[in-house]
């Protein structure tokens, strides 16, 4: 495995003049013989930088991210972050799903970097590369320290997740919202249970994720849904779009933002192999639709966006700009204590 070639400035590309993100002598490899972690290997490292600049060519609407993990046990076959595992001499398929890099010093390092005179307090996005509330977070518990550091420095941030473990950190999120802008979004691209089982096998079921949105709404926390990805010919039928938007609206989501599947190198090969196994009749259609690159044609993206926005208006929820932070409104003090929410189950 290659570690030294990962550099602070490159975010994963080799540049010999940059300091490595972490050294090979600091890597501890562990496995845990418990059902939720069986088959997963964790590589514990001490990162040298935790606030990462988004590459200038990226379409992301934010400039800075924090990623306490590399690789993701959610195992979504379409995940665009798969390519990053190739920088470690790991494959972008099974290894991405099962070889998880854990930056064990992420909370302390973030606190130190936020306190630097060079840091200007810009918005930080989390969960946009791999999920910060994936299964590993239940073992390593890095997010409470990360949120606490952001709260203490009143630094605006947003979280995108498919994980139900975010409910564990409700109190910290409320505290952060009292001093800065906090945005929370949950990713639910479709509600078809059979499709979910094969395309997102390591994630909580779509209805469990919508339970998270519902729980947040009941606690007075504004939460949007990123309807991503919409899968061409698999989840884009008008009836499917309607069912998904209806379920999102019923959960109490404040907004819904559709995003059509994009297939970058690394993800493209893994997704197309999955498509050939499960839906071979669609392979040629996908090859034609994505013939010009990683993104579906503009006409297709506009059609899906229009349909979802019309459905959202019909069901009383509005669209929002992707990645736009939304402020949490702290709820009024209750007369009686509210019991602490428990983590929702995977299925």
Foldseek 3Di string as FASTA:
>chain_A
DDFQQAFQQPNQHGDPVGGTQFDPVFWDKDADPDVLGPQAIEIETATPAFWHADDPPDPDPFGIEGEQKFAALLQQLQQPLLVSVVSVVDASHPCSNHYMYGNLCRLVRLLVVLPDPPDDQGEYEYCPRPAPQGPCCVVRVPVVSNLQSCQVSLRHYEHEHLFLCVLVCVVSQLSSLVRHFYAYEYEAQFQPQVVCCQRRVRGAHNVLSLLSLLVCVVQQWAYAYENPAQEPPPQQDLVRLLVGLLSNLVSVHQAYHYHYRFHAPSSNVSVLVSCCVPPVVCNVVVCVQQVPHRDGDPVVVVVSRVSNQVSCVVSPHHHDDPPDTGRGDRDDDDPDDDDRDDGDDRD
